[in-house]
Amino acid sequence: MPNLDMERAAGGRVAGVDEAGRGPLAGPVVAAAVILPLDTPAELANLLDDSKKLTAGQRQAAFDALRDSPAQIGIGAASVAEIARLNILGASLLAMRRAVLRLAVPPSLALIDGNRAPELPCVTRAVVGGDGRSLSIAAASIIAKVTRDKLMRALALRYPGYGWEHNMGYPTPEHREALAALGPTPHHRRSFAPVQLSLGFDSRKTA
């Protein structure tokens, strides 16, 4: 289970940073930065883990508890256009940077999930598997995932047929079949190979 050992060892204001949405064929990539109090109570800490290990209900409960807690939260995103321009890694780093810059008070250290860190006006440390090691990164993974899922469910109402309300834009068989039948929407990542393939079915789908 993740804990606050890295945050306590570093001292100062430490933000955990993570993103959601690198793999989908549609929608933005969303990142969150979270600064947890070092005395975070056990009842909150016990709700937090790598978002991928939690059910949707558990993520929502943790999200609500974080929003009601003294934790400082910043959220950032990078659009489909930015993903096309920067590639998905560059867009993910941009979303992380925006999330950190939206914290009310800048951190002295940012713990970044993964092996790459964005350029920030504070010390950064990349932590591979960080969402399973650092409680603040785990919190950020939950905030980013729940925020992005809510956005994709809203987009599903505007663009029905792709199953975004449950696949969240990931390349499930249902989503791929809808791409072949319906073509891409303005929210599809046209630089991704499955979306490019769908454009070849009918030239009208490029409009």
N, C-alpha and C. Protein backbone atom coordinates (compact mmCIF):
# COMPACT_ATOMS: atom_id res chain seq x y z
N MET A 1 0.84 -1.20 0.00
CA MET A 1 0.00 0.00 0.00
C MET A 1 0.87 1.25 0.00
N PRO A 2 0.45 2.29 -0.71
CA PRO A 2 1.22 3.54 -0.70
C PRO A 2 1.19 4.19 0.67
N ASN A 3 2.22 4.98 0.95
CA ASN A 3 2.31 5.67 2.24
C ASN A 3 2.94 7.05 2.02
N LEU A 4 3.19 7.73 3.11
CA LEU A 4 3.76 9.08 3.06
C LEU A 4 5.24 9.11 3.41
N ASP A 5 5.92 7.98 3.31
CA ASP A 5 7.33 7.93 3.69
C ASP A 5 8.19 8.88 2.85
N MET A 6 7.98 8.89 1.54
CA MET A 6 8.78 9.77 0.69
C MET A 6 8.50 11.23 0.97
N GLU A 7 7.24 11.54 1.22
CA GLU A 7 6.86 12.92 1.51
C GLU A 7 7.48 13.37 2.84
N ARG A 8 7.43 12.52 3.84
CA ARG A 8 8.00 12.88 5.14
C ARG A 8 9.51 13.03 5.06
N ALA A 9 10.17 12.15 4.30
CA ALA A 9 11.62 12.21 4.17
C ALA A 9 12.06 13.48 3.46
N ALA A 10 11.26 13.94 2.51
CA ALA A 10 11.62 15.13 1.74
C ALA A 10 11.41 16.40 2.54
N GLY A 11 10.38 16.42 3.38
CA GLY A 11 10.06 17.65 4.11
C GLY A 11 9.45 18.69 3.18
N GLY A 12 8.97 19.77 3.73
CA GLY A 12 8.38 20.84 2.93
C GLY A 12 7.04 20.43 2.33
N ARG A 13 6.64 21.18 1.31
CA ARG A 13 5.37 20.91 0.63
C ARG A 13 5.65 19.99 -0.56
N VAL A 14 5.15 18.77 -0.47
CA VAL A 14 5.42 17.77 -1.51
C VAL A 14 4.12 17.44 -2.24
N ALA A 15 4.15 17.57 -3.56
CA ALA A 15 2.99 17.26 -4.38
C ALA A 15 3.21 15.92 -5.09
N GLY A 16 2.20 15.10 -5.10
CA GLY A 16 2.19 13.91 -5.93
C GLY A 16 1.49 14.24 -7.23
N VAL A 17 2.02 13.75 -8.34
CA VAL A 17 1.49 14.10 -9.66
C VAL A 17 1.31 12.84 -10.49
N ASP A 18 0.15 12.72 -11.13
CA ASP A 18 -0.11 11.59 -12.01
C ASP A 18 -1.11 12.01 -13.08
N GLU A 19 -1.21 11.18 -14.12
CA GLU A 19 -2.11 11.49 -15.23
C GLU A 19 -3.03 10.31 -15.50
N ALA A 20 -4.08 10.57 -16.26
CA ALA A 20 -4.98 9.53 -16.74
C ALA A 20 -5.28 9.80 -18.20
N GLY A 21 -5.30 8.74 -18.99
CA GLY A 21 -5.73 8.89 -20.38
C GLY A 21 -4.64 8.90 -21.42
N ARG A 22 -3.53 8.21 -21.18
CA ARG A 22 -2.49 8.13 -22.22
C ARG A 22 -2.89 7.15 -23.31
N GLY A 23 -3.62 6.10 -22.97
CA GLY A 23 -3.90 5.04 -23.93
C GLY A 23 -5.15 5.17 -24.78
N PRO A 24 -6.14 5.98 -24.42
CA PRO A 24 -7.37 6.05 -25.20
C PRO A 24 -7.17 6.58 -26.62
N LEU A 25 -8.16 6.31 -27.45
CA LEU A 25 -8.17 6.82 -28.82
C LEU A 25 -8.88 8.16 -28.91
N ALA A 26 -9.51 8.58 -27.84
CA ALA A 26 -10.29 9.83 -27.86
C ALA A 26 -10.20 10.53 -26.52
N GLY A 27 -10.41 11.84 -26.56
CA GLY A 27 -10.44 12.64 -25.35
C GLY A 27 -9.07 13.16 -24.94
N PRO A 28 -9.06 14.09 -24.01
CA PRO A 28 -7.81 14.68 -23.55
C PRO A 28 -7.07 13.76 -22.59
N VAL A 29 -5.84 14.12 -22.30
CA VAL A 29 -5.13 13.52 -21.18
C VAL A 29 -5.28 14.47 -20.00
N VAL A 30 -5.60 13.95 -18.83
CA VAL A 30 -5.87 14.75 -17.64
C VAL A 30 -4.87 14.40 -16.56
N ALA A 31 -4.36 15.40 -15.88
CA ALA A 31 -3.39 15.18 -14.80
C ALA A 31 -3.88 15.88 -13.53
N ALA A 32 -3.38 15.39 -12.41
CA ALA A 32 -3.69 16.02 -11.13
C ALA A 32 -2.44 16.10 -10.29
N ALA A 33 -2.38 17.11 -9.45
CA ALA A 33 -1.32 17.29 -8.46
C ALA A 33 -2.00 17.42 -7.10
N VAL A 34 -1.52 16.67 -6.13
CA VAL A 34 -2.15 16.66 -4.81
C VAL A 34 -1.08 16.80 -3.74
N ILE A 35 -1.30 17.73 -2.83
CA ILE A 35 -0.46 17.87 -1.63
C ILE A 35 -1.29 17.41 -0.44
N LEU A 36 -0.87 16.30 0.16
CA LEU A 36 -1.58 15.78 1.33
C LEU A 36 -0.90 16.26 2.61
N PRO A 37 -1.68 16.58 3.63
CA PRO A 37 -1.06 16.86 4.93
C PRO A 37 -0.30 15.63 5.42
N LEU A 38 0.83 15.85 6.05
CA LEU A 38 1.60 14.72 6.56
C LEU A 38 0.88 13.99 7.69
N ASP A 39 -0.11 14.64 8.28
CA ASP A 39 -0.92 13.97 9.31
C ASP A 39 -2.27 13.51 8.75
N THR A 40 -2.29 13.18 7.46
CA THR A 40 -3.52 12.68 6.84
C THR A 40 -4.08 11.53 7.68
N PRO A 41 -5.33 11.61 8.08
CA PRO A 41 -5.89 10.57 8.95
C PRO A 41 -5.99 9.22 8.25
N ALA A 42 -5.93 8.17 9.02
CA ALA A 42 -5.96 6.81 8.47
C ALA A 42 -7.23 6.55 7.69
N GLU A 43 -8.35 7.14 8.12
CA GLU A 43 -9.61 6.87 7.41
C GLU A 43 -9.57 7.38 5.97
N LEU A 44 -8.80 8.44 5.70
CA LEU A 44 -8.62 8.90 4.33
C LEU A 44 -7.53 8.09 3.64
N ALA A 45 -6.40 7.91 4.32
CA ALA A 45 -5.28 7.18 3.73
C ALA A 45 -5.69 5.79 3.28
N ASN A 46 -6.57 5.15 4.03
CA ASN A 46 -6.98 3.78 3.71
C ASN A 46 -7.83 3.70 2.45
N LEU A 47 -8.35 4.84 2.01
CA LEU A 47 -9.15 4.88 0.77
C LEU A 47 -8.28 5.00 -0.47
N LEU A 48 -7.01 5.36 -0.29
CA LEU A 48 -6.16 5.74 -1.41
C LEU A 48 -5.25 4.60 -1.86
N ASP A 49 -5.21 4.41 -3.16
CA ASP A 49 -4.32 3.44 -3.76
C ASP A 49 -4.22 3.80 -5.24
N ASP A 50 -3.36 3.11 -5.95
CA ASP A 50 -3.29 3.24 -7.39
C ASP A 50 -4.71 3.14 -7.94
N SER A 51 -5.14 4.13 -8.72
CA SER A 51 -6.54 4.17 -9.18
C SER A 51 -6.91 2.92 -9.97
N LYS A 52 -5.94 2.30 -10.65
CA LYS A 52 -6.23 1.11 -11.46
C LYS A 52 -6.59 -0.09 -10.59
N LYS A 53 -6.23 -0.05 -9.31
CA LYS A 53 -6.54 -1.16 -8.40
C LYS A 53 -7.90 -1.00 -7.73
N LEU A 54 -8.56 0.14 -7.94
CA LEU A 54 -9.82 0.43 -7.28
C LEU A 54 -10.99 0.27 -8.24
N THR A 55 -12.14 -0.06 -7.69
CA THR A 55 -13.36 -0.07 -8.49
C THR A 55 -13.81 1.36 -8.72
N ALA A 56 -14.74 1.54 -9.66
CA ALA A 56 -15.26 2.88 -9.92
C ALA A 56 -15.88 3.48 -8.66
N GLY A 57 -16.59 2.66 -7.89
CA GLY A 57 -17.20 3.15 -6.66
C GLY A 57 -16.16 3.55 -5.62
N GLN A 58 -15.10 2.76 -5.51
CA GLN A 58 -14.03 3.09 -4.57
C GLN A 58 -13.31 4.37 -4.99
N ARG A 59 -13.08 4.53 -6.29
CA ARG A 59 -12.43 5.76 -6.76
C ARG A 59 -13.29 6.97 -6.46
N GLN A 60 -14.60 6.85 -6.68
CA GLN A 60 -15.48 8.00 -6.42
C GLN A 60 -15.50 8.34 -4.94
N ALA A 61 -15.55 7.33 -4.08
CA ALA A 61 -15.54 7.58 -2.63
C ALA A 61 -14.24 8.27 -2.22
N ALA A 62 -13.12 7.82 -2.77
CA ALA A 62 -11.83 8.44 -2.45
C ALA A 62 -11.77 9.86 -3.00
N PHE A 63 -12.28 10.07 -4.20
CA PHE A 63 -12.32 11.40 -4.81
C PHE A 63 -13.11 12.36 -3.92
N ASP A 64 -14.29 11.94 -3.50
CA ASP A 64 -15.14 12.80 -2.66
C ASP A 64 -14.45 13.10 -1.33
N ALA A 65 -13.80 12.09 -0.75
CA ALA A 65 -13.11 12.29 0.52
C ALA A 65 -11.95 13.26 0.37
N LEU A 66 -11.23 13.15 -0.74
CA LEU A 66 -10.12 14.08 -0.99
C LEU A 66 -10.63 15.50 -1.16
N ARG A 67 -11.71 15.67 -1.89
CA ARG A 67 -12.25 17.01 -2.11
C ARG A 67 -12.76 17.64 -0.81
N ASP A 68 -13.17 16.80 0.13
CA ASP A 68 -13.66 17.30 1.42
C ASP A 68 -12.56 17.45 2.46
N SER A 69 -11.33 17.07 2.10
CA SER A 69 -10.21 17.08 3.05
C SER A 69 -9.39 18.36 2.89
N PRO A 70 -8.40 18.57 3.77
CA PRO A 70 -7.53 19.74 3.62
C PRO A 70 -6.50 19.59 2.50
N ALA A 71 -6.52 18.50 1.75
CA ALA A 71 -5.56 18.30 0.66
C ALA A 71 -5.66 19.44 -0.34
N GLN A 72 -4.51 19.84 -0.90
CA GLN A 72 -4.47 20.84 -1.96
C GLN A 72 -4.47 20.11 -3.30
N ILE A 73 -5.33 20.52 -4.21
CA ILE A 73 -5.51 19.80 -5.47
C ILE A 73 -5.42 20.75 -6.65
N GLY A 74 -4.66 20.36 -7.66
CA GLY A 74 -4.60 21.08 -8.92
C GLY A 74 -4.88 20.10 -10.05
N ILE A 75 -5.63 20.54 -11.05
CA ILE A 75 -5.99 19.69 -12.18
C ILE A 75 -5.60 20.39 -13.47
N GLY A 76 -5.00 19.64 -14.40
CA GLY A 76 -4.62 20.18 -15.70
C GLY A 76 -4.95 19.17 -16.78
N ALA A 77 -5.01 19.63 -18.01
CA ALA A 77 -5.32 18.74 -19.13
C ALA A 77 -4.57 19.21 -20.36
N ALA A 78 -4.45 18.30 -21.32
CA ALA A 78 -3.93 18.63 -22.64
C ALA A 78 -4.93 18.10 -23.65
N SER A 79 -5.24 18.92 -24.63
CA SER A 79 -6.30 18.62 -25.59
C SER A 79 -5.84 17.64 -26.66
N VAL A 80 -6.81 17.18 -27.44
CA VAL A 80 -6.51 16.30 -28.57
C VAL A 80 -5.56 17.01 -29.55
N ALA A 81 -5.77 18.30 -29.78
CA ALA A 81 -4.88 19.05 -30.67
C ALA A 81 -3.46 19.09 -30.12
N GLU A 82 -3.33 19.25 -28.81
CA GLU A 82 -2.00 19.27 -28.20
C GLU A 82 -1.34 17.89 -28.24
N ILE A 83 -2.16 16.84 -28.11
CA ILE A 83 -1.63 15.49 -28.23
C ILE A 83 -1.07 15.28 -29.64
N ALA A 84 -1.78 15.77 -30.65
CA ALA A 84 -1.31 15.63 -32.03
C ALA A 84 -0.03 16.43 -32.26
N ARG A 85 0.07 17.59 -31.63
CA ARG A 85 1.22 18.46 -31.86
C ARG A 85 2.44 18.02 -31.09
N LEU A 86 2.24 17.54 -29.85
CA LEU A 86 3.36 17.25 -28.96
C LEU A 86 3.68 15.77 -28.84
N ASN A 87 2.83 14.90 -29.26
CA ASN A 87 2.76 13.45 -29.03
C ASN A 87 2.23 13.21 -27.62
N ILE A 88 1.84 11.97 -27.33
CA ILE A 88 1.14 11.71 -26.08
C ILE A 88 2.03 11.93 -24.86
N LEU A 89 3.32 11.62 -24.96
CA LEU A 89 4.21 11.86 -23.83
C LEU A 89 4.33 13.35 -23.55
N GLY A 90 4.58 14.13 -24.59
CA GLY A 90 4.70 15.57 -24.41
C GLY A 90 3.43 16.18 -23.86
N ALA A 91 2.28 15.71 -24.34
CA ALA A 91 1.00 16.23 -23.85
C ALA A 91 0.77 15.83 -22.39
N SER A 92 1.18 14.62 -22.02
CA SER A 92 1.02 14.19 -20.63
C SER A 92 1.86 15.06 -19.70
N LEU A 93 3.09 15.36 -20.12
CA LEU A 93 3.95 16.22 -19.30
C LEU A 93 3.39 17.63 -19.20
N LEU A 94 2.78 18.11 -20.30
CA LEU A 94 2.16 19.44 -20.28
C LEU A 94 0.98 19.46 -19.31
N ALA A 95 0.15 18.42 -19.34
CA ALA A 95 -0.98 18.35 -18.41
C ALA A 95 -0.50 18.32 -16.97
N MET A 96 0.58 17.58 -16.70
CA MET A 96 1.13 17.54 -15.34
C MET A 96 1.63 18.91 -14.91
N ARG A 97 2.32 19.59 -15.81
CA ARG A 97 2.82 20.93 -15.49
C ARG A 97 1.65 21.86 -15.15
N ARG A 98 0.61 21.81 -15.94
CA ARG A 98 -0.56 22.66 -15.68
C ARG A 98 -1.20 22.33 -14.34
N ALA A 99 -1.25 21.04 -14.00
CA ALA A 99 -1.84 20.64 -12.72
C ALA A 99 -1.05 21.21 -11.56
N VAL A 100 0.26 21.11 -11.61
CA VAL A 100 1.10 21.63 -10.52
C VAL A 100 0.97 23.14 -10.42
N LEU A 101 0.96 23.82 -11.56
CA LEU A 101 0.86 25.28 -11.55
C LEU A 101 -0.49 25.77 -11.04
N ARG A 102 -1.49 24.91 -11.00
CA ARG A 102 -2.82 25.29 -10.50
C ARG A 102 -3.00 25.02 -9.01
N LEU A 103 -1.97 24.52 -8.37
CA LEU A 103 -2.03 24.41 -6.91
C LEU A 103 -2.04 25.81 -6.30
N ALA A 104 -2.79 25.97 -5.22
CA ALA A 104 -2.91 27.29 -4.61
C ALA A 104 -1.57 27.82 -4.12
N VAL A 105 -0.74 26.94 -3.59
CA VAL A 105 0.60 27.30 -3.12
C VAL A 105 1.60 26.35 -3.79
N PRO A 106 2.66 26.87 -4.41
CA PRO A 106 3.60 25.99 -5.11
C PRO A 106 4.27 25.00 -4.16
N PRO A 107 4.51 23.78 -4.63
CA PRO A 107 5.23 22.81 -3.81
C PRO A 107 6.73 23.06 -3.85
N SER A 108 7.44 22.50 -2.89
CA SER A 108 8.90 22.55 -2.93
C SER A 108 9.45 21.35 -3.68
N LEU A 109 8.65 20.28 -3.78
CA LEU A 109 9.04 19.07 -4.50
C LEU A 109 7.81 18.46 -5.14
N ALA A 110 7.97 17.97 -6.37
CA ALA A 110 6.89 17.24 -7.04
C ALA A 110 7.36 15.83 -7.31
N LEU A 111 6.62 14.87 -6.79
CA LEU A 111 6.87 13.45 -7.06
C LEU A 111 6.01 13.06 -8.26
N ILE A 112 6.67 12.68 -9.36
CA ILE A 112 5.98 12.42 -10.62
C ILE A 112 5.91 10.92 -10.85
N ASP A 113 4.72 10.40 -11.10
CA ASP A 113 4.61 8.98 -11.41
C ASP A 113 5.24 8.70 -12.78
N GLY A 114 6.11 7.69 -12.86
CA GLY A 114 6.73 7.33 -14.12
C GLY A 114 8.22 7.61 -14.12
N ASN A 115 8.79 7.64 -15.33
CA ASN A 115 10.24 7.85 -15.45
C ASN A 115 10.62 9.16 -16.12
N ARG A 116 9.64 10.02 -16.34
CA ARG A 116 9.90 11.34 -16.93
C ARG A 116 9.17 12.39 -16.12
N ALA A 117 9.77 13.55 -15.97
CA ALA A 117 9.15 14.64 -15.21
C ALA A 117 9.02 15.87 -16.08
N PRO A 118 7.94 16.63 -15.92
CA PRO A 118 7.80 17.89 -16.66
C PRO A 118 8.72 18.95 -16.10
N GLU A 119 8.94 20.00 -16.87
CA GLU A 119 9.69 21.14 -16.37
C GLU A 119 8.79 21.93 -15.42
N LEU A 120 9.28 22.14 -14.22
CA LEU A 120 8.50 22.82 -13.19
C LEU A 120 9.37 23.79 -12.41
N PRO A 121 8.78 24.81 -11.80
CA PRO A 121 9.55 25.75 -10.98
C PRO A 121 9.80 25.22 -9.58
N CYS A 122 10.02 23.91 -9.47
CA CYS A 122 10.34 23.29 -8.19
C CYS A 122 11.17 22.04 -8.49
N VAL A 123 11.71 21.47 -7.47
CA VAL A 123 12.45 20.21 -7.65
C VAL A 123 11.47 19.12 -8.05
N THR A 124 11.89 18.25 -8.98
CA THR A 124 11.04 17.14 -9.39
C THR A 124 11.77 15.82 -9.17
N ARG A 125 11.00 14.78 -8.96
CA ARG A 125 11.56 13.44 -8.81
C ARG A 125 10.61 12.45 -9.48
N ALA A 126 11.10 11.75 -10.49
CA ALA A 126 10.30 10.73 -11.15
C ALA A 126 10.32 9.46 -10.30
N VAL A 127 9.17 8.86 -10.10
CA VAL A 127 9.04 7.67 -9.26
C VAL A 127 8.32 6.59 -10.06
N VAL A 128 9.05 5.60 -10.52
CA VAL A 128 8.44 4.51 -11.27
C VAL A 128 7.53 3.71 -10.34
N GLY A 129 6.30 3.48 -10.79
CA GLY A 129 5.33 2.79 -9.93
C GLY A 129 4.91 3.63 -8.75
N GLY A 130 4.99 4.94 -8.91
CA GLY A 130 4.74 5.84 -7.79
C GLY A 130 3.34 5.78 -7.23
N ASP A 131 2.35 5.45 -8.06
CA ASP A 131 0.98 5.41 -7.55
C ASP A 131 0.75 4.24 -6.60
N GLY A 132 1.68 3.30 -6.56
CA GLY A 132 1.60 2.23 -5.58
C GLY A 132 2.55 2.41 -4.42
N ARG A 133 3.31 3.51 -4.43
CA ARG A 133 4.32 3.75 -3.39
C ARG A 133 4.05 5.02 -2.59
N SER A 134 3.65 6.07 -3.27
CA SER A 134 3.44 7.38 -2.64
C SER A 134 1.96 7.66 -2.49
N LEU A 135 1.54 8.01 -1.28
CA LEU A 135 0.12 8.28 -1.05
C LEU A 135 -0.34 9.51 -1.83
N SER A 136 0.52 10.51 -1.97
CA SER A 136 0.09 11.71 -2.69
C SER A 136 -0.02 11.44 -4.20
N ILE A 137 0.85 10.57 -4.74
CA ILE A 137 0.71 10.20 -6.14
C ILE A 137 -0.55 9.36 -6.34
N ALA A 138 -0.83 8.44 -5.41
CA ALA A 138 -2.06 7.66 -5.49
C ALA A 138 -3.28 8.58 -5.49
N ALA A 139 -3.25 9.58 -4.63
CA ALA A 139 -4.36 10.54 -4.59
C ALA A 139 -4.50 11.25 -5.93
N ALA A 140 -3.37 11.65 -6.52
CA ALA A 140 -3.41 12.32 -7.81
C ALA A 140 -3.96 11.40 -8.89
N SER A 141 -3.60 10.12 -8.83
CA SER A 141 -4.10 9.18 -9.84
C SER A 141 -5.62 9.06 -9.77
N ILE A 142 -6.15 9.11 -8.57
CA ILE A 142 -7.61 9.02 -8.39
C ILE A 142 -8.29 10.28 -8.89
N ILE A 143 -7.77 11.44 -8.52
CA ILE A 143 -8.37 12.70 -8.97
C ILE A 143 -8.36 12.78 -10.50
N ALA A 144 -7.22 12.42 -11.12
CA ALA A 144 -7.11 12.50 -12.57
C ALA A 144 -8.08 11.52 -13.25
N LYS A 145 -8.15 10.30 -12.76
CA LYS A 145 -9.00 9.28 -13.38
C LYS A 145 -10.47 9.63 -13.25
N VAL A 146 -10.93 10.01 -12.07
CA VAL A 146 -12.34 10.33 -11.88
C VAL A 146 -12.73 11.56 -12.70
N THR A 147 -11.85 12.55 -12.73
CA THR A 147 -12.13 13.76 -13.51
C THR A 147 -12.25 13.44 -14.99
N ARG A 148 -11.31 12.64 -15.51
CA ARG A 148 -11.36 12.31 -16.94
C ARG A 148 -12.57 11.44 -17.27
N ASP A 149 -12.88 10.47 -16.42
CA ASP A 149 -14.03 9.61 -16.68
C ASP A 149 -15.32 10.43 -16.75
N LYS A 150 -15.46 11.40 -15.87
CA LYS A 150 -16.65 12.26 -15.89
C LYS A 150 -16.72 13.03 -17.19
N LEU A 151 -15.59 13.54 -17.65
CA LEU A 151 -15.55 14.27 -18.91
C LEU A 151 -15.95 13.37 -20.08
N MET A 152 -15.44 12.13 -20.10
CA MET A 152 -15.76 11.23 -21.20
C MET A 152 -17.23 10.82 -21.18
N ARG A 153 -17.82 10.68 -20.00
CA ARG A 153 -19.25 10.37 -19.95
C ARG A 153 -20.07 11.53 -20.50
N ALA A 154 -19.63 12.75 -20.24
CA ALA A 154 -20.32 13.91 -20.80
C ALA A 154 -20.19 13.95 -22.32
N LEU A 155 -19.00 13.64 -22.83
CA LEU A 155 -18.80 13.61 -24.28
C LEU A 155 -19.62 12.49 -24.92
N ALA A 156 -19.84 11.40 -24.20
CA ALA A 156 -20.62 10.29 -24.74
C ALA A 156 -22.05 10.70 -25.04
N LEU A 157 -22.57 11.65 -24.28
CA LEU A 157 -23.93 12.13 -24.54
C LEU A 157 -24.00 12.92 -25.84
N ARG A 158 -22.92 13.58 -26.20
CA ARG A 158 -22.86 14.37 -27.43
C ARG A 158 -22.49 13.53 -28.63
N TYR A 159 -21.74 12.45 -28.38
CA TYR A 159 -21.28 11.58 -29.46
C TYR A 159 -21.61 10.13 -29.12
N PRO A 160 -22.90 9.76 -29.23
CA PRO A 160 -23.29 8.39 -28.87
C PRO A 160 -22.79 7.38 -29.90
N GLY A 161 -22.73 6.15 -29.46
CA GLY A 161 -22.37 5.06 -30.37
C GLY A 161 -20.99 4.50 -30.18
N TYR A 162 -20.10 5.26 -29.50
CA TYR A 162 -18.71 4.80 -29.33
C TYR A 162 -18.49 4.11 -27.99
N GLY A 163 -19.49 4.19 -27.10
CA GLY A 163 -19.36 3.53 -25.81
C GLY A 163 -18.48 4.25 -24.82
N TRP A 164 -18.26 5.54 -25.04
CA TRP A 164 -17.35 6.28 -24.15
C TRP A 164 -17.82 6.30 -22.71
N GLU A 165 -19.15 6.11 -22.50
CA GLU A 165 -19.67 6.16 -21.14
C GLU A 165 -19.14 5.01 -20.30
N HIS A 166 -18.62 3.95 -20.95
CA HIS A 166 -18.03 2.86 -20.16
C HIS A 166 -16.61 2.50 -20.61
N ASN A 167 -16.24 2.75 -21.90
CA ASN A 167 -14.84 2.45 -22.27
C ASN A 167 -13.92 3.65 -22.13
N MET A 168 -14.47 4.82 -21.87
CA MET A 168 -13.72 6.05 -21.61
C MET A 168 -12.74 6.40 -22.74
N GLY A 169 -13.07 5.92 -23.95
CA GLY A 169 -12.23 6.24 -25.10
C GLY A 169 -11.14 5.24 -25.38
N TYR A 170 -11.01 4.21 -24.54
CA TYR A 170 -9.98 3.21 -24.77
C TYR A 170 -10.34 2.35 -25.98
N PRO A 171 -9.35 1.70 -26.61
CA PRO A 171 -9.59 0.98 -27.86
C PRO A 171 -10.21 -0.41 -27.66
N THR A 172 -11.40 -0.45 -27.10
CA THR A 172 -12.13 -1.71 -26.95
C THR A 172 -12.66 -2.15 -28.31
N PRO A 173 -13.04 -3.42 -28.46
CA PRO A 173 -13.64 -3.85 -29.72
C PRO A 173 -14.85 -3.00 -30.12
N GLU A 174 -15.69 -2.66 -29.13
CA GLU A 174 -16.86 -1.82 -29.41
C GLU A 174 -16.45 -0.48 -29.99
N HIS A 175 -15.43 0.12 -29.40
CA HIS A 175 -14.98 1.44 -29.87
C HIS A 175 -14.40 1.34 -31.27
N ARG A 176 -13.59 0.32 -31.52
CA ARG A 176 -12.99 0.15 -32.84
C ARG A 176 -14.05 -0.09 -33.91
N GLU A 177 -15.07 -0.89 -33.58
CA GLU A 177 -16.15 -1.15 -34.53
C GLU A 177 -16.93 0.13 -34.82
N ALA A 178 -17.15 0.96 -33.80
CA ALA A 178 -17.85 2.23 -34.02
C ALA A 178 -17.02 3.17 -34.88
N LEU A 179 -15.71 3.16 -34.68
CA LEU A 179 -14.83 3.99 -35.52
C LEU A 179 -14.96 3.58 -36.99
N ALA A 180 -14.99 2.27 -37.25
CA ALA A 180 -15.10 1.79 -38.62
C ALA A 180 -16.44 2.17 -39.23
N ALA A 181 -17.50 2.12 -38.40
CA ALA A 181 -18.84 2.39 -38.92
C ALA A 181 -19.17 3.87 -38.98
N LEU A 182 -18.75 4.62 -38.00
CA LEU A 182 -19.15 6.02 -37.87
C LEU A 182 -18.06 7.01 -38.23
N GLY A 183 -16.81 6.55 -38.22
CA GLY A 183 -15.69 7.46 -38.42
C GLY A 183 -15.36 8.22 -37.15
N PRO A 184 -14.27 8.98 -37.18
CA PRO A 184 -13.83 9.69 -35.98
C PRO A 184 -14.62 10.97 -35.73
N THR A 185 -14.68 11.36 -34.47
CA THR A 185 -15.27 12.63 -34.04
C THR A 185 -14.15 13.66 -33.90
N PRO A 186 -14.50 14.91 -33.63
CA PRO A 186 -13.45 15.91 -33.36
C PRO A 186 -12.63 15.60 -32.11
N HIS A 187 -13.11 14.69 -31.29
CA HIS A 187 -12.40 14.36 -30.05
C HIS A 187 -11.54 13.12 -30.18
N HIS A 188 -11.48 12.54 -31.36
CA HIS A 188 -10.59 11.39 -31.57
C HIS A 188 -9.17 11.88 -31.84
N ARG A 189 -8.22 11.07 -31.41
CA ARG A 189 -6.80 11.39 -31.57
C ARG A 189 -6.35 10.87 -32.94
N ARG A 190 -6.36 11.75 -33.92
CA ARG A 190 -6.12 11.32 -35.31
C ARG A 190 -4.69 10.92 -35.57
N SER A 191 -3.79 11.20 -34.63
CA SER A 191 -2.41 10.75 -34.78
C SER A 191 -2.24 9.31 -34.32
N PHE A 192 -3.26 8.71 -33.70
CA PHE A 192 -3.18 7.33 -33.23
C PHE A 192 -3.56 6.38 -34.37
N ALA A 193 -2.83 5.30 -34.51
CA ALA A 193 -2.96 4.41 -35.67
C ALA A 193 -4.39 3.89 -35.90
N PRO A 194 -5.12 3.41 -34.88
CA PRO A 194 -6.48 2.92 -35.15
C PRO A 194 -7.41 4.00 -35.70
N VAL A 195 -7.20 5.25 -35.28
CA VAL A 195 -8.03 6.35 -35.79
C VAL A 195 -7.63 6.66 -37.23
N GLN A 196 -6.33 6.67 -37.50
CA GLN A 196 -5.87 6.88 -38.87
C GLN A 196 -6.44 5.82 -39.80
N LEU A 197 -6.48 4.58 -39.33
CA LEU A 197 -7.02 3.49 -40.14
C LEU A 197 -8.48 3.74 -40.46
N SER A 198 -9.25 4.23 -39.49
CA SER A 198 -10.66 4.48 -39.73
C SER A 198 -10.88 5.57 -40.77
N LEU A 199 -9.94 6.50 -40.88
CA LEU A 199 -10.08 7.56 -41.87
C LEU A 199 -9.99 7.02 -43.29
N GLY A 200 -9.41 5.86 -43.45
CA GLY A 200 -9.25 5.30 -44.79
C GLY A 200 -10.49 4.62 -45.32
N PHE A 201 -11.49 4.41 -44.46
CA PHE A 201 -12.68 3.74 -44.92
C PHE A 201 -13.55 4.60 -45.83
N ASP A 202 -13.57 5.89 -45.57
CA ASP A 202 -14.44 6.79 -46.33
C ASP A 202 -13.89 8.20 -46.20
N SER A 203 -13.61 8.83 -47.31
CA SER A 203 -13.02 10.17 -47.25
C SER A 203 -13.90 11.18 -46.57
N ARG A 204 -15.22 10.91 -46.55
CA ARG A 204 -16.13 11.84 -45.88
C ARG A 204 -15.87 11.90 -44.38
N LYS A 205 -15.22 10.85 -43.84
CA LYS A 205 -14.97 10.80 -42.40
C LYS A 205 -13.87 11.74 -41.97
N THR A 206 -13.16 12.32 -42.91
CA THR A 206 -12.09 13.27 -42.55
C THR A 206 -12.66 14.66 -42.31
N ALA A 207 -13.92 14.87 -42.65
CA ALA A 207 -14.52 16.20 -42.52
C ALA A 207 -14.84 16.49 -41.06
